[in-house]
């Protein structure tokens, strides 16, 4: 049964790659056949190999180095679904950025961990620090920009509090500002499913994905990438940090002292709106708190909102 499932998913992955290649061809034609360069930078911490890569389009402009930090279930491939012009990685590269992606230990292309509880938020911050050191060495730039998504806002926020000298600007996209409710977490690894990978995409009343919000091909490519890079399980250390009392603050906004963009969708179920309303007062000068009406937790892949999201991010970084 499992072999049949794997073969079926492998076939689907091949089909999706074909679709992806066709879509990429059209997108490149529309963008004037832009050529992207992706280079991997071998990295190791705590005896575990870490996947760090950098995507650029031509020579990055001075001062434009940005590190993207993934969420709790899947790795950094999430930022680069190569369909039409949705990819945040390629968008930022076209704006002159060197776009760095890190897979935390146990995720994606990084080395596996025996204890799935080990890569919690604090552990991830040390992986981020190792990646930031590598970026600074290779770029010659003392400070970098950081964008975190979902759990990545917790790791990015804590890293910025601990190492403000490393960070020029911070983007907290769909931030997990407070606990999501107390739950006992017993399993060190989560069980990934195709359905789980798609659960953040908006649905209609009948339970079908809303085609006005998200392209069905994009959903298939996203889920295929999740399976391809992260397989059927991911570390679960983040759960013990997140599934705590709703009043527990998970990002210490008052201690962040670099300009910060907090950006989220109005339909994101994980948002603490009380804290969002306070965020602007807590953050330093030059910060922004922006809601995109109608967007969800995955608004960077939603047809009505993704371009607005991209433009707001780059506008903040360039201000």
Protein backbone atom coordinates (compact mmCIF):
# COMPACT_ATOMS: atom_id res chain seq x y z
CA UNK A 1 0.00 0.00 0.00
CA UNK A 2 2.76 2.46 0.95
CA UNK A 3 4.77 1.67 -2.21
CA UNK A 4 1.68 2.29 -4.32
CA UNK A 5 1.13 5.60 -2.56
CA UNK A 6 4.75 6.67 -3.08
CA UNK A 7 4.64 5.72 -6.77
CA UNK A 8 1.38 7.60 -7.23
CA UNK A 9 2.77 10.70 -5.55
CA UNK A 10 6.00 10.42 -7.56
CA UNK A 11 3.96 10.33 -10.77
CA UNK A 12 1.98 13.35 -9.62
CA UNK A 13 5.24 15.11 -8.80
CA UNK A 14 6.53 14.44 -12.33
CA UNK A 15 3.30 15.74 -13.84
CA UNK A 16 3.51 18.83 -11.67
CA UNK A 17 7.12 19.40 -12.72
CA UNK A 18 6.03 19.33 -16.36
CA UNK A 19 3.27 21.82 -15.64
CA UNK A 20 5.73 23.89 -13.65
CA UNK A 21 8.23 23.93 -16.50
CA UNK A 22 5.58 25.12 -18.96
CA UNK A 23 4.45 27.80 -16.51
CA UNK A 24 8.05 28.87 -15.95
CA UNK A 25 8.60 29.19 -19.69
CA UNK A 26 5.59 31.49 -20.00
CA UNK A 27 6.61 33.49 -16.95
CA UNK A 28 10.17 33.97 -18.19
CA UNK A 29 8.87 35.10 -21.55
CA UNK A 30 6.65 37.63 -19.82
CA UNK A 31 9.58 38.85 -17.70
CA UNK A 32 12.01 39.16 -20.60
CA UNK A 33 13.69 35.79 -19.97
CA UNK A 34 15.27 36.72 -16.66
CA UNK A 35 18.04 34.35 -15.62
CA UNK A 36 18.23 33.34 -11.96
CA UNK A 37 21.31 32.01 -10.22
CA UNK A 38 21.00 29.68 -7.20
CA UNK A 39 24.06 28.77 -5.17
CA UNK A 40 24.26 26.53 -2.11
CA UNK A 41 26.50 27.34 0.87
CA UNK A 42 27.48 24.25 2.92
CA UNK A 43 26.85 24.88 6.59
CA UNK A 44 26.92 22.76 9.74
CA UNK A 45 25.93 23.33 13.34
CA UNK A 46 25.68 20.95 16.26
CA UNK A 47 26.89 18.13 14.01
CA UNK A 48 23.94 18.60 11.62
CA UNK A 49 24.24 19.86 8.05
CA UNK A 50 22.12 22.91 7.29
CA UNK A 51 20.80 23.82 3.87
CA UNK A 52 21.48 27.46 3.02
CA UNK A 53 21.12 28.77 -0.51
CA UNK A 54 21.04 32.12 -2.26
CA UNK A 55 19.04 33.14 -5.32
CA UNK A 56 19.83 36.23 -7.35
CA UNK A 57 19.08 37.72 -10.75
CA UNK A 58 22.32 39.25 -11.93
CA UNK A 59 24.55 41.06 -9.44
CA UNK A 60 22.63 42.00 -6.25
CA UNK A 61 22.55 45.69 -5.45
CA UNK A 62 24.71 46.87 -2.51
CA UNK A 63 23.03 46.43 0.85
CA UNK A 64 20.36 44.07 -0.43
CA UNK A 65 20.73 40.75 1.38
CA UNK A 66 17.56 39.16 2.77
CA UNK A 67 17.10 35.90 4.67
CA UNK A 68 13.71 34.13 4.48
CA UNK A 69 12.65 31.95 7.44
CA UNK A 70 10.05 29.21 7.00
CA UNK A 71 7.13 28.10 9.13
CA UNK A 72 6.55 25.10 11.37
CA UNK A 73 5.53 22.30 9.04
CA UNK A 74 7.50 22.76 5.85
CA UNK A 75 10.86 24.13 4.75
CA UNK A 76 12.01 27.16 2.78
CA UNK A 77 10.84 25.82 -0.59
CA UNK A 78 7.50 27.40 0.39
CA UNK A 79 8.80 30.80 -0.70
CA UNK A 80 9.62 29.72 -4.26
CA UNK A 81 6.70 27.97 -5.93
CA UNK A 82 7.73 28.54 -9.52
CA UNK A 83 4.36 29.33 -11.07
CA UNK A 84 3.67 32.51 -13.03
CA UNK A 85 5.03 35.40 -10.92
CA UNK A 86 3.96 34.19 -7.47
CA UNK A 87 7.42 33.30 -6.17
CA UNK A 88 8.51 35.71 -3.44
CA UNK A 89 12.11 34.56 -3.90
CA UNK A 90 12.19 35.48 -7.58
CA UNK A 91 10.27 38.70 -7.06
CA UNK A 92 12.84 39.92 -4.52
CA UNK A 93 15.69 38.74 -6.76
CA UNK A 94 14.26 40.86 -9.59
CA UNK A 95 14.34 43.85 -7.23
CA UNK A 96 18.09 43.45 -6.88
CA UNK A 97 18.20 41.32 -3.70
CA UNK A 98 20.35 38.35 -2.86
CA UNK A 99 17.63 36.10 -1.44
CA UNK A 100 18.86 33.59 1.14
CA UNK A 101 16.87 30.59 2.38
CA UNK A 102 17.64 28.42 5.38
CA UNK A 103 16.14 25.06 6.32
CA UNK A 104 16.18 24.66 10.09
CA UNK A 105 17.68 21.33 11.30
CA UNK A 106 15.33 18.45 10.55
CA UNK A 107 13.51 20.31 7.76
CA UNK A 108 13.79 20.08 3.99
CA UNK A 109 17.32 19.62 2.72
CA UNK A 110 18.96 20.05 6.12
CA UNK A 111 20.16 17.02 8.07
CA UNK A 112 17.64 14.94 10.00
CA UNK A 113 17.32 14.99 13.78
CA UNK A 114 16.73 12.04 16.09
CA UNK A 115 14.67 14.05 18.54
CA UNK A 116 11.91 16.00 16.83
CA UNK A 117 11.43 18.17 19.92
CA UNK A 118 15.01 19.47 19.70
CA UNK A 119 14.50 22.07 16.93
CA UNK A 120 12.27 24.38 18.97
CA UNK A 121 12.24 28.18 18.62
CA UNK A 122 15.38 28.76 20.70
CA UNK A 123 17.28 26.03 18.83
CA UNK A 124 16.21 27.46 15.47
CA UNK A 125 17.60 30.86 16.47
CA UNK A 126 21.08 29.33 16.77
CA UNK A 127 20.73 27.84 13.27
CA UNK A 128 19.71 31.29 12.03
CA UNK A 129 22.73 32.83 13.71
CA UNK A 130 25.03 30.39 11.91
CA UNK A 131 23.34 31.26 8.60
CA UNK A 132 23.57 35.01 9.28
CA UNK A 133 27.29 34.70 9.99
CA UNK A 134 27.74 32.88 6.68
CA UNK A 135 25.74 35.54 4.80
CA UNK A 136 27.76 38.36 6.36
CA UNK A 137 31.03 36.61 5.49
CA UNK A 138 30.04 36.06 1.88
CA UNK A 139 28.36 39.40 1.25
CA UNK A 140 30.67 41.65 3.27
CA UNK A 141 27.51 43.26 4.66
CA UNK A 142 27.27 43.77 8.41
CA UNK A 143 23.47 43.85 8.56
CA UNK A 144 20.87 41.87 6.63
CA UNK A 145 17.10 42.01 6.22
CA UNK A 146 15.02 39.13 7.57
CA UNK A 147 11.51 37.95 6.65
CA UNK A 148 9.78 35.29 8.72
CA UNK A 149 6.47 33.60 7.96
CA UNK A 150 4.22 32.04 10.65
CA UNK A 151 6.52 30.19 13.11
CA UNK A 152 9.31 31.93 11.22
CA UNK A 153 8.12 35.21 12.78
CA UNK A 154 8.82 33.73 16.21
CA UNK A 155 12.31 32.57 15.24
CA UNK A 156 13.02 35.83 13.38
CA UNK A 157 11.69 37.91 16.27
CA UNK A 158 13.77 36.12 18.89
CA UNK A 159 16.88 36.26 16.68
CA UNK A 160 16.40 40.02 16.25
CA UNK A 161 16.02 40.52 20.01
CA UNK A 162 19.16 38.46 20.70
CA UNK A 163 21.25 39.84 17.79
CA UNK A 164 19.97 43.31 16.81
CA UNK A 165 23.38 44.18 15.39
CA UNK A 166 22.79 41.63 12.61
CA UNK A 167 19.46 42.99 11.41
CA UNK A 168 18.75 46.05 9.26
CA UNK A 169 14.99 45.52 8.82
CA UNK A 170 12.56 42.82 9.92
CA UNK A 171 9.37 41.58 8.22
CA UNK A 172 6.90 39.58 10.32
CA UNK A 173 4.49 37.99 7.85
CA UNK A 174 1.43 36.32 9.44
CA UNK A 175 2.99 36.58 12.93
CA UNK A 176 2.17 34.17 15.73
CA UNK A 177 2.08 36.82 18.44
CA UNK A 178 0.52 34.74 21.22
CA UNK A 179 -0.22 31.16 22.24
CA UNK A 180 -2.79 29.20 20.25
CA UNK A 181 -4.26 27.47 23.32
CA UNK A 182 -2.88 24.89 25.70
CA UNK A 183 -2.42 21.40 24.31
CA UNK A 184 -0.31 18.49 25.47
CA UNK A 185 2.20 17.65 22.76
CA UNK A 186 3.43 14.06 22.95
CA UNK A 187 4.68 13.26 19.44
CA UNK A 188 8.19 14.50 18.55
CA UNK A 189 7.37 14.50 14.84
CA UNK A 190 4.26 15.78 13.07
CA UNK A 191 2.53 13.68 10.43
CA UNK A 192 2.45 15.56 7.13
CA UNK A 193 -0.37 14.91 4.68
CA UNK A 194 -1.34 16.27 1.28
CA UNK A 195 -4.53 17.67 2.82
CA UNK A 196 -2.57 19.26 5.66
CA UNK A 197 -0.27 21.05 3.25
CA UNK A 198 -3.32 22.64 1.60
CA UNK A 199 -5.26 23.51 4.75
CA UNK A 200 -4.36 27.22 4.71
CA UNK A 201 -5.85 27.83 1.26
CA UNK A 202 -9.26 29.47 1.39
CA UNK A 203 -12.33 27.34 0.70
CA UNK A 204 -15.90 27.90 -0.41
CA UNK A 205 -18.94 26.96 1.69
CA UNK A 206 -19.06 23.50 0.06
CA UNK A 207 -15.46 22.81 1.17
CA UNK A 208 -13.92 23.17 -2.29
CA UNK A 209 -10.95 25.49 -2.79
CA UNK A 210 -12.05 28.93 -3.90
CA UNK A 211 -10.86 29.37 -7.51
CA UNK A 212 -11.33 33.12 -7.26
CA UNK A 213 -8.72 33.22 -4.51
CA UNK A 214 -6.15 30.56 -5.45
CA UNK A 215 -5.23 28.90 -8.73
CA UNK A 216 -5.76 25.13 -8.49
CA UNK A 217 -2.46 24.42 -10.29
CA UNK A 218 -0.61 26.49 -7.72
CA UNK A 219 -2.20 24.49 -4.88
CA UNK A 220 -1.07 21.23 -6.52
CA UNK A 221 2.45 22.56 -7.02
CA UNK A 222 2.62 23.79 -3.43
CA UNK A 223 1.48 20.45 -1.99
CA UNK A 224 3.79 18.53 -4.34
CA UNK A 225 6.74 20.62 -3.18
CA UNK A 226 5.85 20.02 0.47
CA UNK A 227 5.88 16.27 -0.10
CA UNK A 228 9.00 16.39 -2.25
CA UNK A 229 11.13 18.38 0.21
CA UNK A 230 9.70 17.44 3.62
CA UNK A 231 8.09 14.04 3.13
CA UNK A 232 5.60 12.62 5.59
CA UNK A 233 6.99 14.12 8.81
CA UNK A 234 8.57 17.26 10.27
CA UNK A 235 10.06 18.12 13.68
CA UNK A 236 7.49 19.06 16.30
CA UNK A 237 9.53 21.17 18.71
CA UNK A 238 7.66 24.30 17.67
CA UNK A 239 4.37 22.84 18.99
CA UNK A 240 5.44 23.04 22.62
CA UNK A 241 6.27 26.73 22.11
CA UNK A 242 3.03 27.58 20.31
CA UNK A 243 0.33 25.50 22.02
CA UNK A 244 0.35 27.46 25.25
CA UNK A 245 -2.13 29.80 26.94
CA UNK A 246 -3.67 32.38 24.59
CA UNK A 247 -2.36 35.18 26.78
CA UNK A 248 1.27 34.10 26.47
CA UNK A 249 3.17 36.47 24.22
CA UNK A 250 5.38 34.63 21.77
CA UNK A 251 7.10 37.60 20.10
CA UNK A 252 8.55 40.24 22.39
CA UNK A 253 7.68 43.28 20.26
CA UNK A 254 8.82 45.72 22.95
CA UNK A 255 12.40 44.42 22.75
CA UNK A 256 12.66 44.61 18.94
CA UNK A 257 14.65 47.75 18.15
CA UNK A 258 14.92 47.64 14.35
CA UNK A 259 12.31 48.94 11.86
CA UNK A 260 9.71 46.20 11.48
CA UNK A 261 6.87 45.49 9.06
CA UNK A 262 4.02 43.44 10.52
CA UNK A 263 1.87 42.25 7.60
CA UNK A 264 -1.07 39.85 7.68
CA UNK A 265 -4.40 38.95 6.09
CA UNK A 266 -7.70 39.87 7.68
CA UNK A 267 -8.90 36.25 7.33
CA UNK A 268 -5.84 34.69 8.96
CA UNK A 269 -7.20 32.53 11.81
CA UNK A 270 -3.97 32.68 13.82
CA UNK A 271 -3.92 36.44 14.38
CA UNK A 272 -4.25 38.02 17.82
CA UNK A 273 -5.95 41.28 16.84
CA UNK A 274 -5.56 42.83 20.27
CA UNK A 275 -1.80 42.52 20.05
CA UNK A 276 -1.82 43.60 16.41
CA UNK A 277 -3.58 46.80 17.44
CA UNK A 278 -0.86 47.40 20.04
CA UNK A 279 2.03 46.46 17.78
CA UNK A 280 2.56 49.87 16.19
CA UNK A 281 2.95 51.50 19.60
CA UNK A 282 5.40 48.82 20.77
CA UNK A 283 7.67 48.79 17.72
CA UNK A 284 10.42 51.36 16.98
CA UNK A 285 10.29 54.32 14.64
CA UNK A 286 10.06 53.40 10.97
CA UNK A 287 7.85 50.37 11.61
CA UNK A 288 4.55 49.57 9.89
CA UNK A 289 1.56 47.38 10.76
CA UNK A 290 -0.49 46.51 7.68
CA UNK A 291 -3.55 44.35 7.14
CA UNK A 292 -4.47 43.05 3.69
CA UNK A 293 -8.25 42.81 3.60
CA UNK A 294 -9.48 39.38 2.50
CA UNK A 295 -6.10 37.66 2.69
CA UNK A 296 -5.40 34.52 4.71
CA UNK A 297 -2.34 32.93 6.32
CA UNK A 298 -1.05 32.11 2.85
CA UNK A 299 -1.91 35.38 1.12
CA UNK A 300 1.41 35.42 -0.76
CA UNK A 301 -0.15 32.78 -3.04
CA UNK A 302 -3.64 34.26 -3.33
CA UNK A 303 -4.61 35.82 -6.67
CA UNK A 304 -6.22 39.02 -5.37
CA UNK A 305 -3.50 39.75 -2.81
CA UNK A 306 -0.05 38.41 -3.69
CA UNK A 307 1.10 41.38 -5.77
CA UNK A 308 -0.06 43.80 -3.09
CA UNK A 309 1.85 41.74 -0.53
CA UNK A 310 5.03 41.71 -2.64
CA UNK A 311 4.89 45.45 -3.26
CA UNK A 312 4.29 46.29 0.39
CA UNK A 313 7.24 44.17 1.46
CA UNK A 314 9.68 45.68 -1.03
CA UNK A 315 8.36 49.20 -0.38
CA UNK A 316 9.13 48.77 3.32
CA UNK A 317 12.57 47.31 2.68
CA UNK A 318 13.44 50.14 0.29
CA UNK A 319 12.15 53.05 2.35
